[in-house]
Amino acid sequence: QLQAKLKDAGVGIGRRVLEVASFREKANRRETRMLGILQFLTSTVWKMLFGASADSLEKSVEQEDEFMIIEKAPLVNAFISTASAPCNCAAFTAGIVRGVLEGARFPARVSAHEYEDGRTVILIKFAPEVLERERRAGSG
């Protein structure tokens, strides 16, 4: 329940962050391709929020509409102990990612997955209409 609230809080912040980052970087241009928005997110937005680019961005080999942002030691988990009640606070970051993507007209399901080695994967699964738009843009 806490993770869902963190994610919901992140969505509104993500939309505002998109506005600020777009204003600072590319006032008159908006990303129209999946890869472009993902690179903008993992570099510009990540630097703005966390002081550095994301550790890596990977495309799923199984699904063409899935991407993963991998953080070896996410800042949002750095100073939080969840020993008494397991909670992945990176759900807040997943909410921010979803807010940025929705604000940029790239609807997607976004979730955070924490692993025992401390790394977190933000899994992005784009909506079918995004993939269809991407195909049309590539063929035209």
C-alpha atoms as a PDB file:
ATOM      1  CA  GLN A   1       0.000   0.000   0.000  1.00  0.00           C
ATOM      2  CA  LEU A   2       2.875   2.379   0.805  1.00  0.00           C
ATOM      3  CA  GLN A   3       4.537   1.546  -2.512  1.00  0.00           C
ATOM      4  CA  ALA A   4       1.334   2.425  -4.379  1.00  0.00           C
ATOM      5  CA  LYS A   5       1.145   5.782  -2.583  1.00  0.00           C
ATOM      6  CA  LEU A   6       4.807   6.495  -3.340  1.00  0.00           C
ATOM      7  CA  LYS A   7       4.242   5.662  -7.008  1.00  0.00           C
ATOM      8  CA  ASP A   8       1.150   7.892  -7.210  1.00  0.00           C
ATOM      9  CA  ALA A   9       3.043  10.775  -5.587  1.00  0.00           C
ATOM     10  CA  GLY A  10       5.841  10.340  -8.105  1.00  0.00           C
ATOM     11  CA  VAL A  11       3.519  10.629 -11.127  1.00  0.00           C
ATOM     12  CA  GLY A  12       2.568  14.250 -10.392  1.00  0.00           C
ATOM     13  CA  ILE A  13       6.169  15.141  -9.719  1.00  0.00           C
ATOM     14  CA  GLY A  14       7.237  13.482 -12.971  1.00  0.00           C
ATOM     15  CA  ARG A  15       4.852  15.632 -14.984  1.00  0.00           C
ATOM     16  CA  ARG A  16       6.227  18.802 -13.383  1.00  0.00           C
ATOM     17  CA  VAL A  17       9.815  17.633 -13.821  1.00  0.00           C
ATOM     18  CA  LEU A  18       9.152  17.116 -17.544  1.00  0.00           C
ATOM     19  CA  GLU A  19       7.984  20.707 -17.867  1.00  0.00           C
ATOM     20  CA  VAL A  20      11.028  22.090 -16.048  1.00  0.00           C
ATOM     21  CA  ALA A  21      13.535  19.869 -17.869  1.00  0.00           C
ATOM     22  CA  SER A  22      11.977  20.613 -21.258  1.00  0.00           C
ATOM     23  CA  PHE A  23      12.046  24.324 -20.546  1.00  0.00           C
ATOM     24  CA  ARG A  24      15.726  24.188 -19.532  1.00  0.00           C
ATOM     25  CA  GLU A  25      16.889  21.940 -22.369  1.00  0.00           C
ATOM     26  CA  LYS A  26      14.674  22.129 -25.452  1.00  0.00           C
ATOM     27  CA  ALA A  27      12.086  24.825 -25.087  1.00  0.00           C
ATOM     28  CA  ASN A  28      10.523  24.391 -28.535  1.00  0.00           C
ATOM     29  CA  ARG A  29      11.069  20.691 -29.237  1.00  0.00           C
ATOM     30  CA  ARG A  30       9.364  17.621 -27.819  1.00  0.00           C
ATOM     31  CA  GLU A  31      10.536  14.047 -28.201  1.00  0.00           C
ATOM     32  CA  THR A  32       8.483  11.966 -30.612  1.00  0.00           C
ATOM     33  CA  ARG A  33      10.408   8.660 -30.542  1.00  0.00           C
ATOM     34  CA  MET A  34      10.642   6.061 -27.751  1.00  0.00           C
ATOM     35  CA  LEU A  35      14.425   5.972 -27.725  1.00  0.00           C
ATOM     36  CA  GLY A  36      14.617   9.768 -27.696  1.00  0.00           C
ATOM     37  CA  ILE A  37      12.351  10.142 -24.663  1.00  0.00           C
ATOM     38  CA  LEU A  38      14.170   7.333 -22.835  1.00  0.00           C
ATOM     39  CA  GLN A  39      17.547   8.975 -23.435  1.00  0.00           C
ATOM     40  CA  PHE A  40      16.148  12.332 -22.313  1.00  0.00           C
ATOM     41  CA  LEU A  41      14.776  10.631 -19.192  1.00  0.00           C
ATOM     42  CA  THR A  42      17.949   8.721 -18.259  1.00  0.00           C
ATOM     43  CA  SER A  43      20.289  11.632 -18.906  1.00  0.00           C
ATOM     44  CA  THR A  44      18.664  15.063 -18.544  1.00  0.00           C
ATOM     45  CA  VAL A  45      15.904  14.190 -16.069  1.00  0.00           C
ATOM     46  CA  TRP A  46      18.085  11.798 -14.046  1.00  0.00           C
ATOM     47  CA  LYS A  47      20.864  14.416 -13.735  1.00  0.00           C
ATOM     48  CA  MET A  48      18.333  17.000 -12.657  1.00  0.00           C
ATOM     49  CA  LEU A  49      16.875  14.744  -9.961  1.00  0.00           C
ATOM     50  CA  PHE A  50      19.796  12.596  -8.808  1.00  0.00           C
ATOM     51  CA  GLY A  51      22.926  14.475  -9.909  1.00  0.00           C
ATOM     52  CA  ALA A  52      24.076  11.848 -12.441  1.00  0.00           C
ATOM     53  CA  SER A  53      22.802   9.889 -15.421  1.00  0.00           C
ATOM     54  CA  ALA A  54      21.147   6.510 -14.841  1.00  0.00           C
ATOM     55  CA  ASP A  55      23.589   3.603 -14.631  1.00  0.00           C
ATOM     56  CA  SER A  56      22.171   1.942 -17.746  1.00  0.00           C
ATOM     57  CA  LEU A  57      19.231   1.738 -20.114  1.00  0.00           C
ATOM     58  CA  GLU A  58      18.523  -1.643 -21.691  1.00  0.00           C
ATOM     59  CA  LYS A  59      15.953  -2.963 -24.124  1.00  0.00           C
ATOM     60  CA  SER A  60      14.266  -6.258 -23.350  1.00  0.00           C
ATOM     61  CA  VAL A  61      15.342  -9.076 -25.659  1.00  0.00           C
ATOM     62  CA  GLU A  62      11.959 -10.772 -25.263  1.00  0.00           C
ATOM     63  CA  GLN A  63       9.536  -7.848 -25.656  1.00  0.00           C
ATOM     64  CA  GLU A  64      10.001  -5.010 -28.130  1.00  0.00           C
ATOM     65  CA  ASP A  65       7.931  -2.635 -25.998  1.00  0.00           C
ATOM     66  CA  GLU A  66       9.874  -3.139 -22.738  1.00  0.00           C
ATOM     67  CA  PHE A  67      12.867  -1.178 -21.514  1.00  0.00           C
ATOM     68  CA  MET A  68      14.762  -1.231 -18.228  1.00  0.00           C
ATOM     69  CA  ILE A  69      16.499   1.575 -16.387  1.00  0.00           C
ATOM     70  CA  ILE A  70      19.047  -0.029 -14.094  1.00  0.00           C
ATOM     71  CA  GLU A  71      20.374   1.723 -10.995  1.00  0.00           C
ATOM     72  CA  LYS A  72      23.114  -0.012  -9.010  1.00  0.00           C
ATOM     73  CA  ALA A  73      22.409   1.950  -5.819  1.00  0.00           C
ATOM     74  CA  PRO A  74      19.319   4.169  -6.163  1.00  0.00           C
ATOM     75  CA  LEU A  75      19.477   7.383  -4.191  1.00  0.00           C
ATOM     76  CA  VAL A  76      15.892   6.993  -2.941  1.00  0.00           C
ATOM     77  CA  ASN A  77      16.840   3.714  -1.228  1.00  0.00           C
ATOM     78  CA  ALA A  78      20.158   4.922   0.200  1.00  0.00           C
ATOM     79  CA  PHE A  79      19.022   6.189   3.592  1.00  0.00           C
ATOM     80  CA  ILE A  80      15.916   4.091   4.172  1.00  0.00           C
ATOM     81  CA  SER A  81      15.763   0.958   6.262  1.00  0.00           C
ATOM     82  CA  THR A  82      12.882  -1.357   5.428  1.00  0.00           C
ATOM     83  CA  ALA A  83      13.850  -4.210   7.730  1.00  0.00           C
ATOM     84  CA  SER A  84      10.576  -4.157   9.683  1.00  0.00           C
ATOM     85  CA  ALA A  85       8.295  -3.890   6.633  1.00  0.00           C
ATOM     86  CA  PRO A  86       9.729  -4.662   3.198  1.00  0.00           C
ATOM     87  CA  CYS A  87       9.019  -1.766   0.862  1.00  0.00           C
ATOM     88  CA  ASN A  88      10.812  -0.740  -2.292  1.00  0.00           C
ATOM     89  CA  CYS A  89      10.945   3.039  -2.112  1.00  0.00           C
ATOM     90  CA  ALA A  90      12.128   3.117  -5.723  1.00  0.00           C
ATOM     91  CA  ALA A  91       8.393   2.882  -6.474  1.00  0.00           C
ATOM     92  CA  PHE A  92       8.550   6.682  -6.064  1.00  0.00           C
ATOM     93  CA  THR A  93      11.109   6.835  -8.892  1.00  0.00           C
ATOM     94  CA  ALA A  94       8.911   4.540 -11.006  1.00  0.00           C
ATOM     95  CA  GLY A  95       6.064   6.999 -10.480  1.00  0.00           C
ATOM     96  CA  ILE A  96       8.267   9.888 -11.601  1.00  0.00           C
ATOM     97  CA  VAL A  97       9.252   7.945 -14.734  1.00  0.00           C
ATOM     98  CA  ARG A  98       5.588   7.221 -15.478  1.00  0.00           C
ATOM     99  CA  GLY A  99       4.680  10.886 -14.988  1.00  0.00           C
ATOM    100  CA  VAL A 100       7.420  12.040 -17.368  1.00  0.00           C
ATOM    101  CA  LEU A 101       6.413   9.477 -20.002  1.00  0.00           C
ATOM    102  CA  GLU A 102       2.690  10.254 -19.748  1.00  0.00           C
ATOM    103  CA  GLY A 103       3.382  13.982 -19.872  1.00  0.00           C
ATOM    104  CA  ALA A 104       5.415  13.438 -23.046  1.00  0.00           C
ATOM    105  CA  ARG A 105       2.545  11.368 -24.545  1.00  0.00           C
ATOM    106  CA  PHE A 106       4.222   7.976 -24.096  1.00  0.00           C
ATOM    107  CA  PRO A 107       1.771   6.086 -21.850  1.00  0.00           C
ATOM    108  CA  ALA A 108       3.399   3.123 -20.141  1.00  0.00           C
ATOM    109  CA  ARG A 109       3.183   0.787 -17.174  1.00  0.00           C
ATOM    110  CA  VAL A 110       6.192   1.403 -14.950  1.00  0.00           C
ATOM    111  CA  SER A 111       7.294  -0.696 -11.983  1.00  0.00           C
ATOM    112  CA  ALA A 112      10.333  -0.893  -9.706  1.00  0.00           C
ATOM    113  CA  HIS A 113      12.013  -4.192  -8.884  1.00  0.00           C
ATOM    114  CA  GLU A 114      14.677  -4.410  -6.184  1.00  0.00           C
ATOM    115  CA  TYR A 115      17.253  -7.204  -6.161  1.00  0.00           C
ATOM    116  CA  GLU A 116      19.302  -8.659  -3.307  1.00  0.00           C
ATOM    117  CA  ASP A 117      22.529  -7.159  -4.625  1.00  0.00           C
ATOM    118  CA  GLY A 118      21.058  -3.677  -4.048  1.00  0.00           C
ATOM    119  CA  ARG A 119      20.364  -2.757  -7.645  1.00  0.00           C
ATOM    120  CA  THR A 120      16.951  -1.653  -8.785  1.00  0.00           C
ATOM    121  CA  VAL A 121      15.380  -2.097 -12.188  1.00  0.00           C
ATOM    122  CA  ILE A 122      12.718   0.333 -13.343  1.00  0.00           C
ATOM    123  CA  LEU A 123      10.717  -1.694 -15.870  1.00  0.00           C
ATOM    124  CA  ILE A 124       8.899   0.301 -18.560  1.00  0.00           C
ATOM    125  CA  LYS A 125       6.269  -1.379 -20.731  1.00  0.00           C
ATOM    126  CA  PHE A 126       4.909   1.014 -23.323  1.00  0.00           C
ATOM    127  CA  ALA A 127       1.227   1.021 -24.267  1.00  0.00           C
ATOM    128  CA  PRO A 128       0.351  -0.613 -27.631  1.00  0.00           C
ATOM    129  CA  GLU A 129      -0.463   2.747 -29.250  1.00  0.00           C
ATOM    130  CA  VAL A 130       3.100   3.953 -28.570  1.00  0.00           C
ATOM    131  CA  LEU A 131       4.549   0.943 -30.364  1.00  0.00           C
ATOM    132  CA  GLU A 132       2.139   1.425 -33.281  1.00  0.00           C
ATOM    133  CA  ARG A 133       3.067   5.121 -33.544  1.00  0.00           C
ATOM    134  CA  GLU A 134       6.741   4.132 -33.493  1.00  0.00           C
ATOM    135  CA  ARG A 135       6.206   1.643 -36.351  1.00  0.00           C
ATOM    136  CA  ARG A 136       4.365   4.230 -38.470  1.00  0.00           C
ATOM    137  CA  ALA A 137       7.101   6.810 -37.899  1.00  0.00           C
ATOM    138  CA  GLY A 138       9.779   4.288 -38.872  1.00  0.00           C
ATOM    139  CA  SER A 139       8.071   3.335 -42.133  1.00  0.00           C
ATOM    140  CA  GLY A 140       7.211   6.859 -43.183  1.00  0.00           C
END
